[in-house]
């Protein structure tokens, strides 16, 4: 789905700023505007907004107050504050309290503005894609009680995961601002210390994830062993392509080459998440020309092979050996954790994954799984 399907609401009490903003980005994004916090809340109540971008200093309601109200009204909206240098500490405090995800300083640079908005729209696209996958890849015949437990666990899991994602973006913004302020040692030191403090906020989410893992481990020991999860690889690939092709840029083409229909030992939703992450990385690697992303499924001698290849800019050679390490990832990846999660999911299922950068250009990710035969899933 193109960025125009994910509206951006810009709020500023000065009309000339609204005009400047619209001129800078309306050829790339769908833009809505408001001149006050109250007007912005009316727009949020009426329209499905993906990104809220607000000036900090406004009469009646500040940008942070608006973001705090928007957080209650529409929690999924990505909230960004635009602030002058003198208000930078206020923005930092708002980030630490989780009211906003990012901040920009005035006057903004058009290139930086477009980059931040593109990343925010990508996040909104990914969230929508995951919701679609959850609906379309439900396992058939799953008992209602099990489905309810699964949904509750997924809901609880999103809280610490989102906190870690936002924290990584905050730390990146603070470090970037600190580097820009390097000629001003006191300001640079203040920003770097804020980045350190923000990074310390990961302790809570990590503790929550560890506790959830321990609860799952205890449940697995007490309950009957569950039936091993399996997925029809070709069926999942078809579903993923049908869903994702609506979310990618017009310059990106998705293809599915299904030469076999192996049954692999992984939950369909997890395989869908893996493929969604790999497609997202491939799409972000577009070099300006047409990027063809091909998902190929083959089977040979008891092994299933799923390949995700693209014709983008390829992988930087010195990253190839570390591509799946946390906080390395592909160039342009938002958090550096996506490919690490891919490897974890694949290896947990008994498979392997590796990356290649062919000489003819582009990148290729190869998933290998042992195959399982089950009549109910046979084509």
Foldseek 3Di string as FASTA:
>chain_A
DAQQVAEEEEEALDVVVVVVVCVLPVVRYHYHYYNDLVVVVVCVVVDRHAEYEYEQDDPPAGLLRSLQVVCVVPVRHAYEYEYEPVCVVVVLVSLLVVSHLYYHYPPHDSVVVVLVVVVSSVVVLVVVLLVVLVVPQDDPPDDPVVVVVVVVVVVVLCVLVVLLLSLLSSLVRLQVVLVVCVVPPVSSVVSNVSSVVSVVVNVVSVVVVVVVVVVVVVVCVPDDHDDFAKDFVLVLVVVLQVRCVVVADPLEAEEEAEPDGFIFRARSSLVSLLVVLVVVLQRQQAPPHRKYWYWYWDDDDQKIKTKTWIQGAFADVVCQVVQLPAPRHGPPDSGSHSSVVSQVRLVVSVKGWHKDADPNGTIMIMIMGGTDDDVVPDD
